[in-house]
Protein backbone atom coordinates (compact mmCIF):
# COMPACT_ATOMS: atom_id res chain seq x y z
CA UNK A 1 245.39 203.33 134.72
CA UNK A 2 242.36 200.99 134.13
CA UNK A 3 241.62 198.80 137.10
CA UNK A 4 240.86 195.14 136.98
CA UNK A 5 236.84 195.87 137.02
CA UNK A 6 237.60 198.40 134.61
CA UNK A 7 239.14 195.62 131.80
CA UNK A 8 236.93 193.31 132.56
CA UNK A 9 233.77 195.63 131.87
CA UNK A 10 235.43 196.71 128.66
CA UNK A 11 236.52 193.39 127.88
CA UNK A 12 232.49 192.54 128.12
CA UNK A 13 231.39 195.95 126.50
CA UNK A 14 234.08 195.27 123.23
CA UNK A 15 233.17 191.53 122.96
CA UNK A 16 229.02 192.84 122.07
CA UNK A 17 230.07 194.81 119.20
CA UNK A 18 230.36 193.99 115.71
CA UNK A 19 232.70 195.26 112.91
CA UNK A 20 230.89 198.08 111.97
CA UNK A 21 230.54 199.35 115.82
CA UNK A 22 234.34 198.09 116.06
CA UNK A 23 235.65 200.47 113.20
CA UNK A 24 233.33 203.31 114.67
CA UNK A 25 235.33 203.10 117.13
CA UNK A 26 238.53 202.75 115.40
CA UNK A 27 237.88 206.45 114.00
CA UNK A 28 236.41 208.18 116.89
CA UNK A 29 238.84 206.83 119.84
CA UNK A 30 241.54 209.00 121.12
CA UNK A 31 245.20 206.81 121.14
CA UNK A 32 248.37 208.09 121.07
CA UNK A 33 249.71 207.13 118.04
CA UNK A 34 248.13 207.28 114.35
CA UNK A 35 245.19 204.44 113.74
CA UNK A 36 245.17 204.50 110.23
CA UNK A 37 244.04 201.53 108.94
CA UNK A 38 242.22 201.29 105.54
CA UNK A 39 238.76 199.85 105.01
CA UNK A 40 239.89 196.69 102.96
CA UNK A 41 242.22 195.72 106.32
CA UNK A 42 238.94 195.72 108.29
CA UNK A 43 236.89 193.97 106.22
CA UNK A 44 239.87 191.46 106.00
CA UNK A 45 239.91 191.13 109.57
CA UNK A 46 237.63 188.72 111.74
CA UNK A 47 235.56 190.30 114.15
CA UNK A 48 237.58 188.60 117.27
CA UNK A 49 240.46 189.99 115.36
CA UNK A 50 239.70 193.27 115.63
CA UNK A 51 238.35 193.45 118.97
CA UNK A 52 241.76 192.15 120.13
CA UNK A 53 243.43 194.70 118.69
CA UNK A 54 241.16 197.22 119.47
CA UNK A 55 240.87 196.07 123.48
CA UNK A 56 245.25 196.23 122.81
CA UNK A 57 245.01 200.18 121.69
CA UNK A 58 242.84 200.75 124.59
CA UNK A 59 245.25 198.90 127.17
CA UNK A 60 248.12 200.33 126.12
CA UNK A 61 246.69 204.00 125.79
CA UNK A 62 245.49 203.81 129.11
CA UNK A 63 242.49 205.26 127.80
CA UNK A 64 239.33 203.13 127.71
CA UNK A 65 236.10 204.39 125.25
CA UNK A 66 233.84 204.90 128.32
CA UNK A 67 233.79 206.69 131.39
C-alpha cells in the first residue's frame, strides 16, 4: 500500500510529465486491468486530465511507477 509520502512523491513527479511521458507511462505501467486508450483519446484529453487518470490508476492498483 502506498504511503502518504510516496503518494506525495507520485503527485510531484506526475505534475512534471508532459503528454508524451504520460502516454509512455500508460503503455508501460503494470496494472491489474487493461489500459486500452486510443491515440485519439490521448490527444483529446488535457494533460491535467491524463495526469489525474494516471494517478487514479496507480492508486487503484496500489502500484507506483517508481520504487
